[in-house]
Amino acid sequence: MGRYFVQVAALSSAARAQALAQSMNGFVKAGGRLYRVQLGPFATPGEAQAARGRAARAGYGDARIFTAR
């Protein structure tokens, strides 16, 4: 299993986060009062970078790559 992820957005609305995750083939991770839309896991940094690029082209230029611990 990969250890690289892309965080697309952090939203306060669970419904909006779920809709975005569905449209991007991602998932929602709830934490506090935010719902983080994430993609992955990816096995390599290159795969994660490609996914980040897709998110940016979809209008989420602030998407970032992170690694799971």
C-alpha atoms as a PDB file:
ATOM      1  CA  MET A   1       0.000   0.000   0.000  1.00  0.00           C
ATOM      2  CA  GLY A   2       1.190   3.513  -0.766  1.00  0.00           C
ATOM      3  CA  ARG A   3       2.065   6.170   1.692  1.00  0.00           C
ATOM      4  CA  TYR A   4       1.572   9.317  -0.395  1.00  0.00           C
ATOM      5  CA  PHE A   5      -1.688  11.256  -0.361  1.00  0.00           C
ATOM      6  CA  VAL A   6      -3.033  14.466  -1.866  1.00  0.00           C
ATOM      7  CA  GLN A   7      -5.210  16.784   0.173  1.00  0.00           C
ATOM      8  CA  VAL A   8      -7.501  18.593  -2.233  1.00  0.00           C
ATOM      9  CA  ALA A   9      -9.524  20.751   0.167  1.00  0.00           C
ATOM     10  CA  ALA A  10     -10.735  21.116   3.751  1.00  0.00           C
ATOM     11  CA  LEU A  11     -14.411  22.020   3.995  1.00  0.00           C
ATOM     12  CA  SER A  12     -16.799  22.745   6.845  1.00  0.00           C
ATOM     13  CA  SER A  13     -19.700  21.004   5.089  1.00  0.00           C
ATOM     14  CA  ALA A  14     -19.731  17.214   5.167  1.00  0.00           C
ATOM     15  CA  ALA A  15     -22.127  17.072   2.213  1.00  0.00           C
ATOM     16  CA  ARG A  16     -19.953  19.329   0.043  1.00  0.00           C
ATOM     17  CA  ALA A  17     -16.838  17.397   1.006  1.00  0.00           C
ATOM     18  CA  GLN A  18     -18.496  14.094   0.126  1.00  0.00           C
ATOM     19  CA  ALA A  19     -19.668  15.441  -3.247  1.00  0.00           C
ATOM     20  CA  LEU A  20     -16.174  16.716  -4.060  1.00  0.00           C
ATOM     21  CA  ALA A  21     -14.561  13.453  -2.976  1.00  0.00           C
ATOM     22  CA  GLN A  22     -16.960  11.512  -5.180  1.00  0.00           C
ATOM     23  CA  SER A  23     -16.270  13.716  -8.181  1.00  0.00           C
ATOM     24  CA  MET A  24     -12.499  13.290  -7.749  1.00  0.00           C
ATOM     25  CA  ASN A  25     -12.518   9.582  -6.839  1.00  0.00           C
ATOM     26  CA  GLY A  26     -11.217  10.409  -3.384  1.00  0.00           C
ATOM     27  CA  PHE A  27     -12.375  10.082   0.194  1.00  0.00           C
ATOM     28  CA  VAL A  28     -13.271  12.280   3.158  1.00  0.00           C
ATOM     29  CA  LYS A  29     -11.357  12.286   6.419  1.00  0.00           C
ATOM     30  CA  ALA A  30     -13.222  14.049   9.230  1.00  0.00           C
ATOM     31  CA  GLY A  31     -11.264  15.881  11.875  1.00  0.00           C
ATOM     32  CA  GLY A  32     -12.484  18.509  14.267  1.00  0.00           C
ATOM     33  CA  ARG A  33     -14.942  20.701  12.415  1.00  0.00           C
ATOM     34  CA  LEU A  34     -13.360  20.096   9.015  1.00  0.00           C
ATOM     35  CA  TYR A  35     -13.823  17.441   6.371  1.00  0.00           C
ATOM     36  CA  ARG A  36     -10.640  16.878   4.403  1.00  0.00           C
ATOM     37  CA  VAL A  37     -10.987  15.647   0.839  1.00  0.00           C
ATOM     38  CA  GLN A  38      -8.033  13.425   0.011  1.00  0.00           C
ATOM     39  CA  LEU A  39      -6.816  11.261  -2.847  1.00  0.00           C
ATOM     40  CA  GLY A  40      -4.676   8.157  -2.562  1.00  0.00           C
ATOM     41  CA  PRO A  41      -2.858   6.303  -1.307  1.00  0.00           C
ATOM     42  CA  PHE A  42      -0.176   6.423  -3.992  1.00  0.00           C
ATOM     43  CA  ALA A  43       2.929   4.250  -4.057  1.00  0.00           C
ATOM     44  CA  THR A  44       5.303   6.856  -5.470  1.00  0.00           C
ATOM     45  CA  PRO A  45       5.788  10.608  -5.291  1.00  0.00           C
ATOM     46  CA  GLY A  46       5.291  10.742  -9.067  1.00  0.00           C
ATOM     47  CA  GLU A  47       1.828   9.205  -8.835  1.00  0.00           C
ATOM     48  CA  ALA A  48       0.914  11.662  -6.094  1.00  0.00           C
ATOM     49  CA  GLN A  49       2.243  14.570  -8.148  1.00  0.00           C
ATOM     50  CA  ALA A  50       0.116  13.489 -11.116  1.00  0.00           C
ATOM     51  CA  ALA A  51      -2.974  13.395  -8.872  1.00  0.00           C
ATOM     52  CA  ARG A  52      -2.106  16.810  -7.461  1.00  0.00           C
ATOM     53  CA  GLY A  53      -1.893  18.099 -11.020  1.00  0.00           C
ATOM     54  CA  ARG A  54      -5.373  16.730 -11.796  1.00  0.00           C
ATOM     55  CA  ALA A  55      -6.725  18.432  -8.671  1.00  0.00           C
ATOM     56  CA  ALA A  56      -5.077  21.723  -9.689  1.00  0.00           C
ATOM     57  CA  ARG A  57      -6.574  21.511 -13.177  1.00  0.00           C
ATOM     58  CA  ALA A  58      -9.980  20.922 -11.555  1.00  0.00           C
ATOM     59  CA  GLY A  59      -9.624  24.262  -9.744  1.00  0.00           C
ATOM     60  CA  TYR A  60      -7.872  23.168  -6.538  1.00  0.00           C
ATOM     61  CA  GLY A  61      -4.473  24.754  -7.016  1.00  0.00           C
ATOM     62  CA  ASP A  62      -3.798  24.647  -3.270  1.00  0.00           C
ATOM     63  CA  ALA A  63      -3.870  20.830  -3.245  1.00  0.00           C
ATOM     64  CA  ARG A  64      -0.818  19.439  -1.498  1.00  0.00           C
ATOM     65  CA  ILE A  65       1.007  16.146  -1.219  1.00  0.00           C
ATOM     66  CA  PHE A  66       1.705  14.602   2.159  1.00  0.00           C
ATOM     67  CA  THR A  67       2.989  11.291   3.461  1.00  0.00           C
ATOM     68  CA  ALA A  68       1.286   9.027   5.966  1.00  0.00           C
ATOM     69  CA  ARG A  69       3.272   8.133   9.038  1.00  0.00           C
END
